[in-house]
Amino acid sequence: MSNTKHPLNCENLHNINVFSMREIAYSIFDRLSDEQIEGFILMFGNSSEKQDMHRNETLKVLDDVRNGRNMSASFSSVKELMEDLNADD
């Protein structure tokens, strides 16, 4: 994503003839967080973009597992797992 700022802000939307719809979209998109952009891609992206995003997420998780990061506790039974889930933290 480009870090170029577009000269449009929401207050100028009434002046729609000055800006193209693409400029308006860029202006709005530039203010979205990464999480919001991911949501946008999931909703409106084509299937290959969605697959790429899921593939990247899976690769991050696999890297975490290989390096022992972001791991939960291990459990030897479902009962033990449920006790942990139901415990007051």
Protein backbone atom coordinates (compact mmCIF):
# COMPACT_ATOMS: atom_id res chain seq x y z
CA MET A 1 0.00 0.00 0.00
CA SER A 2 1.27 3.42 -0.87
CA ASN A 3 1.98 5.90 1.90
CA THR A 4 1.00 8.71 -0.44
CA LYS A 5 -1.59 10.93 1.17
CA HIS A 6 -4.42 12.03 -1.02
CA PRO A 7 -5.77 15.59 -0.82
CA LEU A 8 -9.26 14.51 0.12
CA ASN A 9 -10.79 14.38 3.53
CA CYS A 10 -14.35 13.55 4.51
CA GLU A 11 -15.27 17.22 4.78
CA ASN A 12 -14.66 17.59 1.04
CA LEU A 13 -17.03 14.82 -0.02
CA HIS A 14 -19.71 17.39 -0.88
CA ASN A 15 -17.28 18.63 -3.56
CA ILE A 16 -17.42 15.26 -5.34
CA ASN A 17 -16.93 16.70 -8.84
CA VAL A 18 -13.38 17.74 -7.94
CA PHE A 19 -12.28 14.23 -7.00
CA SER A 20 -12.60 10.94 -8.82
CA MET A 21 -14.16 8.00 -7.04
CA ARG A 22 -10.73 6.38 -7.10
CA GLU A 23 -9.21 9.33 -5.21
CA ILE A 24 -11.98 9.11 -2.63
CA ALA A 25 -11.38 5.38 -2.22
CA TYR A 26 -7.61 5.90 -1.85
CA SER A 27 -8.19 8.58 0.75
CA ILE A 28 -10.45 6.33 2.81
CA PHE A 29 -8.19 3.28 2.35
CA ASP A 30 -5.11 5.21 3.52
CA ARG A 31 -6.74 5.68 6.92
CA LEU A 32 -7.59 1.99 7.48
CA SER A 33 -5.64 -0.15 9.93
CA ASP A 34 -4.01 -3.38 8.76
CA GLU A 35 -6.80 -5.32 10.45
CA GLN A 36 -9.45 -3.31 8.60
CA ILE A 37 -7.64 -3.86 5.30
CA GLU A 38 -7.55 -7.62 5.94
CA GLY A 39 -11.29 -7.52 6.60
CA PHE A 40 -11.84 -5.58 3.38
CA ILE A 41 -9.86 -8.17 1.40
CA LEU A 42 -11.83 -11.01 2.98
CA MET A 43 -15.12 -9.34 2.07
CA PHE A 44 -14.33 -7.97 -1.38
CA GLY A 45 -11.11 -9.59 -2.58
CA ASN A 46 -10.98 -12.33 -5.13
CA SER A 47 -10.38 -15.90 -4.07
CA SER A 48 -6.62 -15.84 -4.82
CA GLU A 49 -6.16 -12.78 -2.56
CA LYS A 50 -8.08 -14.56 0.19
CA GLN A 51 -6.00 -17.70 -0.32
CA ASP A 52 -2.79 -15.65 -0.14
CA MET A 53 -3.92 -14.04 3.10
CA HIS A 54 -4.87 -17.38 4.65
CA ARG A 55 -1.63 -18.93 3.40
CA ASN A 56 0.42 -16.14 4.99
CA GLU A 57 -1.48 -16.50 8.27
CA THR A 58 -0.88 -20.26 8.24
CA LEU A 59 2.83 -19.77 7.55
CA LYS A 60 3.08 -17.38 10.53
CA VAL A 61 1.40 -19.94 12.80
CA LEU A 62 3.70 -22.72 11.55
CA ASP A 63 6.72 -20.50 12.21
CA ASP A 64 5.44 -19.83 15.74
CA VAL A 65 5.05 -23.57 16.35
CA ARG A 66 8.53 -24.34 15.03
CA ASN A 67 10.00 -21.63 17.28
CA GLY A 68 7.82 -22.32 20.34
CA ARG A 69 6.12 -18.92 20.28
CA ASN A 70 2.51 -18.13 21.19
CA MET A 71 1.87 -21.69 22.31
CA SER A 72 -0.82 -22.66 24.77
CA ALA A 73 -0.31 -25.11 27.59
CA SER A 74 -0.44 -28.79 26.68
CA PHE A 75 -3.09 -31.07 28.12
CA SER A 76 -3.12 -34.83 28.53
CA SER A 77 -6.92 -35.15 28.51
CA VAL A 78 -10.06 -33.33 27.51
CA LYS A 79 -11.01 -33.19 31.19
CA GLU A 80 -7.77 -31.35 31.98
CA LEU A 81 -8.37 -28.95 29.09
CA MET A 82 -11.94 -28.24 30.22
CA GLU A 83 -10.80 -27.63 33.80
CA ASP A 84 -8.30 -25.08 32.51
CA LEU A 85 -10.91 -23.41 30.30
CA ASN A 86 -13.41 -23.20 33.15
CA ALA A 87 -10.90 -21.96 35.72
CA ASP A 88 -11.27 -18.40 36.98
CA ASP A 89 -8.24 -16.39 35.88
